[in-house]
Amino acid sequence: MKITSDVVAELQKIRSAIDNAYEKLNVILYERVTAVKTTYKPLNPSEKVMENFSYISEKIKFIQESEEIGEE
């Protein structure tokens, strides 16, 4: 796959945005569990989206490693 340097720059911005979103989600929150006694279960939101972020990151890396062509 051949891509231009503009595309490479945009992909880098997308990758940075995904990394930033992951960092913001990588915190411990607590989910309320109501039973006879209310308790709280630790929950890390990043774990729920990690698979999606990994897929996107792999595709971006693949495209970035493609052959770069000059501006036309």
PDB file of N, CA and C in Angstrom:
ATOM      1  N   MET A   1       0.850  -1.156   0.000  1.00  0.00           N
ATOM      2  CA  MET A   1       0.000   0.000   0.000  1.00  0.00           C
ATOM      3  C   MET A   1       0.908   1.234   0.000  1.00  0.00           C
ATOM      4  N   LYS A   2       0.607   2.187  -0.833  1.00  0.00           N
ATOM      5  CA  LYS A   2       1.394   3.406  -0.917  1.00  0.00           C
ATOM      6  C   LYS A   2       0.590   4.554  -0.326  1.00  0.00           C
ATOM      7  N   ILE A   3       1.244   5.348   0.502  1.00  0.00           N
ATOM      8  CA  ILE A   3       0.580   6.471   1.146  1.00  0.00           C
ATOM      9  C   ILE A   3       1.464   7.712   1.052  1.00  0.00           C
ATOM     10  N   THR A   4       0.852   8.867   1.182  1.00  0.00           N
ATOM     11  CA  THR A   4       1.605  10.114   1.113  1.00  0.00           C
ATOM     12  C   THR A   4       2.065  10.521   2.517  1.00  0.00           C
ATOM     13  N   SER A   5       2.971  11.473   2.570  1.00  0.00           N
ATOM     14  CA  SER A   5       3.469  11.943   3.868  1.00  0.00           C
ATOM     15  C   SER A   5       2.364  12.635   4.658  1.00  0.00           C
ATOM     16  N   ASP A   6       1.390  13.248   3.970  1.00  0.00           N
ATOM     17  CA  ASP A   6       0.244  13.857   4.662  1.00  0.00           C
ATOM     18  C   ASP A   6      -0.563  12.795   5.407  1.00  0.00           C
ATOM     19  N   VAL A   7      -0.718  11.650   4.771  1.00  0.00           N
ATOM     20  CA  VAL A   7      -1.469  10.552   5.396  1.00  0.00           C
ATOM     21  C   VAL A   7      -0.703  10.044   6.610  1.00  0.00           C
ATOM     22  N   VAL A   8       0.600   9.940   6.492  1.00  0.00           N
ATOM     23  CA  VAL A   8       1.419   9.492   7.622  1.00  0.00           C
ATOM     24  C   VAL A   8       1.253  10.443   8.800  1.00  0.00           C
ATOM     25  N   ALA A   9       1.253  11.741   8.532  1.00  0.00           N
ATOM     26  CA  ALA A   9       1.087  12.736   9.590  1.00  0.00           C
ATOM     27  C   ALA A   9      -0.289  12.612  10.246  1.00  0.00           C
ATOM     28  N   GLU A  10      -1.332  12.429   9.444  1.00  0.00           N
ATOM     29  CA  GLU A  10      -2.683  12.271   9.989  1.00  0.00           C
ATOM     30  C   GLU A  10      -2.802  10.997  10.816  1.00  0.00           C
ATOM     31  N   LEU A  11      -2.182   9.919  10.360  1.00  0.00           N
ATOM     32  CA  LEU A  11      -2.217   8.662  11.113  1.00  0.00           C
ATOM     33  C   LEU A  11      -1.528   8.832  12.463  1.00  0.00           C
ATOM     34  N   GLN A  12      -0.446   9.591  12.498  1.00  0.00           N
ATOM     35  CA  GLN A  12       0.254   9.836  13.761  1.00  0.00           C
ATOM     36  C   GLN A  12      -0.644  10.608  14.724  1.00  0.00           C
ATOM     37  N   LYS A  13      -1.410  11.564  14.199  1.00  0.00           N
ATOM     38  CA  LYS A  13      -2.337  12.325  15.040  1.00  0.00           C
ATOM     39  C   LYS A  13      -3.434  11.415  15.591  1.00  0.00           C
ATOM     40  N   ILE A  14      -3.941  10.524  14.747  1.00  0.00           N
ATOM     41  CA  ILE A  14      -4.984   9.581  15.177  1.00  0.00           C
ATOM     42  C   ILE A  14      -4.439   8.657  16.259  1.00  0.00           C
ATOM     43  N   ARG A  15      -3.242   8.152  16.039  1.00  0.00           N
ATOM     44  CA  ARG A  15      -2.626   7.255  17.019  1.00  0.00           C
ATOM     45  C   ARG A  15      -2.423   7.970  18.356  1.00  0.00           C
ATOM     46  N   SER A  16      -1.986   9.216  18.308  1.00  0.00           N
ATOM     47  CA  SER A  16      -1.802   9.997  19.543  1.00  0.00           C
ATOM     48  C   SER A  16      -3.125  10.205  20.265  1.00  0.00           C
ATOM     49  N   ALA A  17      -4.187  10.459  19.503  1.00  0.00           N
ATOM     50  CA  ALA A  17      -5.509  10.640  20.104  1.00  0.00           C
ATOM     51  C   ALA A  17      -5.990   9.360  20.781  1.00  0.00           C
ATOM     52  N   ILE A  18      -5.747   8.234  20.158  1.00  0.00           N
ATOM     53  CA  ILE A  18      -6.145   6.947  20.745  1.00  0.00           C
ATOM     54  C   ILE A  18      -5.340   6.680  22.011  1.00  0.00           C
ATOM     55  N   ASP A  19      -4.033   6.944  21.975  1.00  0.00           N
ATOM     56  CA  ASP A  19      -3.202   6.760  23.163  1.00  0.00           C
ATOM     57  C   ASP A  19      -3.685   7.644  24.303  1.00  0.00           C
ATOM     58  N   ASN A  20      -4.044   8.882  23.986  1.00  0.00           N
ATOM     59  CA  ASN A  20      -4.523   9.815  24.988  1.00  0.00           C
ATOM     60  C   ASN A  20      -5.846   9.340  25.581  1.00  0.00           C
ATOM     61  N   ALA A  21      -6.750   8.858  24.741  1.00  0.00           N
ATOM     62  CA  ALA A  21      -8.043   8.352  25.225  1.00  0.00           C
ATOM     63  C   ALA A  21      -7.834   7.155  26.143  1.00  0.00           C
ATOM     64  N   TYR A  22      -6.899   6.267  25.779  1.00  0.00           N
ATOM     65  CA  TYR A  22      -6.622   5.101  26.612  1.00  0.00           C
ATOM     66  C   TYR A  22      -6.102   5.534  27.980  1.00  0.00           C
ATOM     67  N   GLU A  23      -5.179   6.505  27.995  1.00  0.00           N
ATOM     68  CA  GLU A  23      -4.633   6.994  29.262  1.00  0.00           C
ATOM     69  C   GLU A  23      -5.728   7.573  30.154  1.00  0.00           C
ATOM     70  N   LYS A  24      -6.676   8.283  29.556  1.00  0.00           N
ATOM     71  CA  LYS A  24      -7.767   8.867  30.335  1.00  0.00           C
ATOM     72  C   LYS A  24      -8.711   7.801  30.877  1.00  0.00           C
ATOM     73  N   LEU A  25      -8.865   6.700  30.148  1.00  0.00           N
ATOM     74  CA  LEU A  25      -9.756   5.623  30.595  1.00  0.00           C
ATOM     75  C   LEU A  25      -9.078   4.665  31.561  1.00  0.00           C
ATOM     76  N   ASN A  26      -7.777   4.724  31.656  1.00  0.00           N
ATOM     77  CA  ASN A  26      -7.031   3.773  32.479  1.00  0.00           C
ATOM     78  C   ASN A  26      -7.010   4.224  33.941  1.00  0.00           C
ATOM     79  N   VAL A  27      -8.179   4.259  34.552  1.00  0.00           N
ATOM     80  CA  VAL A  27      -8.344   4.618  35.963  1.00  0.00           C
ATOM     81  C   VAL A  27      -9.286   3.604  36.608  1.00  0.00           C
ATOM     82  N   ILE A  28      -9.216   3.518  37.908  1.00  0.00           N
ATOM     83  CA  ILE A  28     -10.113   2.609  38.623  1.00  0.00           C
ATOM     84  C   ILE A  28     -11.348   3.385  39.068  1.00  0.00           C
ATOM     85  N   LEU A  29     -12.488   2.913  38.659  1.00  0.00           N
ATOM     86  CA  LEU A  29     -13.776   3.437  39.119  1.00  0.00           C
ATOM     87  C   LEU A  29     -14.431   2.333  39.939  1.00  0.00           C
ATOM     88  N   TYR A  30     -15.511   2.661  40.586  1.00  0.00           N
ATOM     89  CA  TYR A  30     -16.192   1.655  41.394  1.00  0.00           C
ATOM     90  C   TYR A  30     -17.644   1.544  40.969  1.00  0.00           C
ATOM     91  N   GLU A  31     -18.050   0.297  40.718  1.00  0.00           N
ATOM     92  CA  GLU A  31     -19.428   0.006  40.327  1.00  0.00           C
ATOM     93  C   GLU A  31     -20.200  -0.391  41.578  1.00  0.00           C
ATOM     94  N   ARG A  32     -21.342   0.199  41.740  1.00  0.00           N
ATOM     95  CA  ARG A  32     -22.168  -0.086  42.906  1.00  0.00           C
ATOM     96  C   ARG A  32     -22.867  -1.421  42.727  1.00  0.00           C
ATOM     97  N   VAL A  33     -22.728  -2.286  43.711  1.00  0.00           N
ATOM     98  CA  VAL A  33     -23.380  -3.592  43.706  1.00  0.00           C
ATOM     99  C   VAL A  33     -24.384  -3.582  44.858  1.00  0.00           C
ATOM    100  N   THR A  34     -25.660  -3.611  44.495  1.00  0.00           N
ATOM    101  CA  THR A  34     -26.701  -3.537  45.517  1.00  0.00           C
ATOM    102  C   THR A  34     -27.233  -4.933  45.805  1.00  0.00           C
ATOM    103  N   ALA A  35     -27.167  -5.299  47.035  1.00  0.00           N
ATOM    104  CA  ALA A  35     -27.727  -6.558  47.519  1.00  0.00           C
ATOM    105  C   ALA A  35     -28.290  -6.230  48.904  1.00  0.00           C
ATOM    106  N   VAL A  36     -28.181  -7.165  49.827  1.00  0.00           N
ATOM    107  CA  VAL A  36     -28.616  -6.875  51.196  1.00  0.00           C
ATOM    108  C   VAL A  36     -27.780  -5.721  51.744  1.00  0.00           C
ATOM    109  N   LYS A  37     -26.504  -5.771  51.421  1.00  0.00           N
ATOM    110  CA  LYS A  37     -25.589  -4.709  51.818  1.00  0.00           C
ATOM    111  C   LYS A  37     -24.972  -4.123  50.543  1.00  0.00           C
ATOM    112  N   THR A  38     -24.904  -2.814  50.440  1.00  0.00           N
ATOM    113  CA  THR A  38     -24.322  -2.179  49.261  1.00  0.00           C
ATOM    114  C   THR A  38     -22.803  -2.281  49.326  1.00  0.00           C
ATOM    115  N   THR A  39     -22.222  -2.785  48.247  1.00  0.00           N
ATOM    116  CA  THR A  39     -20.771  -2.863  48.133  1.00  0.00           C
ATOM    117  C   THR A  39     -20.350  -2.241  46.810  1.00  0.00           C
ATOM    118  N   TYR A  40     -19.067  -2.051  46.654  1.00  0.00           N
ATOM    119  CA  TYR A  40     -18.541  -1.450  45.430  1.00  0.00           C
ATOM    120  C   TYR A  40     -17.467  -2.346  44.852  1.00  0.00           C
ATOM    121  N   LYS A  41     -17.592  -2.610  43.555  1.00  0.00           N
ATOM    122  CA  LYS A  41     -16.664  -3.485  42.853  1.00  0.00           C
ATOM    123  C   LYS A  41     -15.760  -2.613  41.974  1.00  0.00           C
ATOM    124  N   PRO A  42     -14.423  -2.809  42.063  1.00  0.00           N
ATOM    125  CA  PRO A  42     -13.515  -2.026  41.209  1.00  0.00           C
ATOM    126  C   PRO A  42     -13.770  -2.317  39.727  1.00  0.00           C
ATOM    127  N   LEU A  43     -13.680  -1.280  38.920  1.00  0.00           N
ATOM    128  CA  LEU A  43     -13.934  -1.404  37.488  1.00  0.00           C
ATOM    129  C   LEU A  43     -12.955  -0.495  36.755  1.00  0.00           C
ATOM    130  N   ASN A  44     -12.269  -1.043  35.760  1.00  0.00           N
ATOM    131  CA  ASN A  44     -11.343  -0.253  34.955  1.00  0.00           C
ATOM    132  C   ASN A  44     -11.932  -0.126  33.556  1.00  0.00           C
ATOM    133  N   PRO A  45     -12.416   1.071  33.163  1.00  0.00           N
ATOM    134  CA  PRO A  45     -13.062   1.239  31.854  1.00  0.00           C
ATOM    135  C   PRO A  45     -12.154   0.908  30.678  1.00  0.00           C
ATOM    136  N   SER A  46     -10.846   1.068  30.850  1.00  0.00           N
ATOM    137  CA  SER A  46      -9.936   0.788  29.735  1.00  0.00           C
ATOM    138  C   SER A  46      -9.970  -0.682  29.340  1.00  0.00           C
ATOM    139  N   GLU A  47     -10.263  -1.558  30.291  1.00  0.00           N
ATOM    140  CA  GLU A  47     -10.334  -2.986  29.984  1.00  0.00           C
ATOM    141  C   GLU A  47     -11.476  -3.303  29.022  1.00  0.00           C
ATOM    142  N   LYS A  48     -12.534  -2.516  29.071  1.00  0.00           N
ATOM    143  CA  LYS A  48     -13.686  -2.754  28.197  1.00  0.00           C
ATOM    144  C   LYS A  48     -13.423  -2.334  26.759  1.00  0.00           C
ATOM    145  N   VAL A  49     -12.501  -1.398  26.548  1.00  0.00           N
ATOM    146  CA  VAL A  49     -12.228  -0.907  25.195  1.00  0.00           C
ATOM    147  C   VAL A  49     -10.833  -1.285  24.690  1.00  0.00           C
ATOM    148  N   MET A  50     -10.075  -2.011  25.495  1.00  0.00           N
ATOM    149  CA  MET A  50      -8.704  -2.360  25.128  1.00  0.00           C
ATOM    150  C   MET A  50      -8.640  -3.135  23.817  1.00  0.00           C
ATOM    151  N   GLU A  51      -9.540  -4.067  23.602  1.00  0.00           N
ATOM    152  CA  GLU A  51      -9.543  -4.863  22.373  1.00  0.00           C
ATOM    153  C   GLU A  51      -9.764  -3.971  21.150  1.00  0.00           C
ATOM    154  N   ASN A  52     -10.686  -3.038  21.261  1.00  0.00           N
ATOM    155  CA  ASN A  52     -10.948  -2.114  20.149  1.00  0.00           C
ATOM    156  C   ASN A  52      -9.739  -1.228  19.879  1.00  0.00           C
ATOM    157  N   PHE A  53      -9.147  -0.677  20.939  1.00  0.00           N
ATOM    158  CA  PHE A  53      -7.980   0.177  20.769  1.00  0.00           C
ATOM    159  C   PHE A  53      -6.817  -0.603  20.169  1.00  0.00           C
ATOM    160  N   SER A  54      -6.649  -1.850  20.591  1.00  0.00           N
ATOM    161  CA  SER A  54      -5.563  -2.671  20.051  1.00  0.00           C
ATOM    162  C   SER A  54      -5.749  -2.914  18.554  1.00  0.00           C
ATOM    163  N   TYR A  55      -6.972  -3.198  18.147  1.00  0.00           N
ATOM    164  CA  TYR A  55      -7.266  -3.418  16.732  1.00  0.00           C
ATOM    165  C   TYR A  55      -6.951  -2.165  15.910  1.00  0.00           C
ATOM    166  N   ILE A  56      -7.427  -1.015  16.379  1.00  0.00           N
ATOM    167  CA  ILE A  56      -7.197   0.241  15.669  1.00  0.00           C
ATOM    168  C   ILE A  56      -5.702   0.533  15.601  1.00  0.00           C
ATOM    169  N   SER A  57      -5.010   0.324  16.700  1.00  0.00           N
ATOM    170  CA  SER A  57      -3.579   0.592  16.758  1.00  0.00           C
ATOM    171  C   SER A  57      -2.804  -0.303  15.783  1.00  0.00           C
ATOM    172  N   GLU A  58      -3.172  -1.580  15.703  1.00  0.00           N
ATOM    173  CA  GLU A  58      -2.524  -2.504  14.767  1.00  0.00           C
ATOM    174  C   GLU A  58      -2.721  -2.056  13.318  1.00  0.00           C
ATOM    175  N   LYS A  59      -3.929  -1.636  12.982  1.00  0.00           N
ATOM    176  CA  LYS A  59      -4.212  -1.199  11.609  1.00  0.00           C
ATOM    177  C   LYS A  59      -3.442   0.078  11.273  1.00  0.00           C
ATOM    178  N   ILE A  60      -3.384   1.013  12.212  1.00  0.00           N
ATOM    179  CA  ILE A  60      -2.634   2.245  11.978  1.00  0.00           C
ATOM    180  C   ILE A  60      -1.154   1.937  11.782  1.00  0.00           C
ATOM    181  N   LYS A  61      -0.623   1.059  12.619  1.00  0.00           N
ATOM    182  CA  LYS A  61       0.799   0.682  12.504  1.00  0.00           C
ATOM    183  C   LYS A  61       1.073   0.034  11.154  1.00  0.00           C
ATOM    184  N   PHE A  62       0.179  -0.826  10.704  1.00  0.00           N
ATOM    185  CA  PHE A  62       0.331  -1.484   9.408  1.00  0.00           C
ATOM    186  C   PHE A  62       0.379  -0.456   8.280  1.00  0.00           C
ATOM    187  N   ILE A  63      -0.530   0.503   8.331  1.00  0.00           N
ATOM    188  CA  ILE A  63      -0.586   1.532   7.292  1.00  0.00           C
ATOM    189  C   ILE A  63       0.657   2.418   7.355  1.00  0.00           C
ATOM    190  N   GLN A  64       1.104   2.760   8.565  1.00  0.00           N
ATOM    191  CA  GLN A  64       2.287   3.612   8.710  1.00  0.00           C
ATOM    192  C   GLN A  64       3.534   2.935   8.156  1.00  0.00           C
ATOM    193  N   GLU A  65       3.592   1.620   8.252  1.00  0.00           N
ATOM    194  CA  GLU A  65       4.752   0.890   7.759  1.00  0.00           C
ATOM    195  C   GLU A  65       4.694   0.655   6.259  1.00  0.00           C
ATOM    196  N   SER A  66       3.610   1.072   5.623  1.00  0.00           N
ATOM    197  CA  SER A  66       3.486   0.938   4.179  1.00  0.00           C
ATOM    198  C   SER A  66       4.481   1.850   3.475  1.00  0.00           C
ATOM    199  N   GLU A  67       4.631   1.645   2.195  1.00  0.00           N
ATOM    200  CA  GLU A  67       5.550   2.443   1.405  1.00  0.00           C
ATOM    201  C   GLU A  67       5.028   3.877   1.303  1.00  0.00           C
ATOM    202  N   GLU A  68       5.889   4.811   1.641  1.00  0.00           N
ATOM    203  CA  GLU A  68       5.516   6.225   1.581  1.00  0.00           C
ATOM    204  C   GLU A  68       5.949   6.795   0.217  1.00  0.00           C
ATOM    205  N   ILE A  69       5.021   7.467  -0.433  1.00  0.00           N
ATOM    206  CA  ILE A  69       5.362   8.110  -1.701  1.00  0.00           C
ATOM    207  C   ILE A  69       5.403   9.616  -1.513  1.00  0.00           C
ATOM    208  N   GLY A  70       6.077  10.309  -2.372  1.00  0.00           N
ATOM    209  CA  GLY A  70       6.186  11.752  -2.268  1.00  0.00           C
ATOM    210  C   GLY A  70       4.890  12.442  -2.617  1.00  0.00           C
ATOM    211  N   GLU A  71       4.854  13.723  -2.384  1.00  0.00           N
ATOM    212  CA  GLU A  71       3.683  14.526  -2.739  1.00  0.00           C
ATOM    213  C   GLU A  71       3.530  14.588  -4.254  1.00  0.00           C
ATOM    214  N   GLU A  72       2.317  14.527  -4.696  1.00  0.00           N
ATOM    215  CA  GLU A  72       2.063  14.569  -6.141  1.00  0.00           C
ATOM    216  C   GLU A  72       1.627  15.943  -6.576  1.00  0.00           C
TER     217      GLU A  72
END
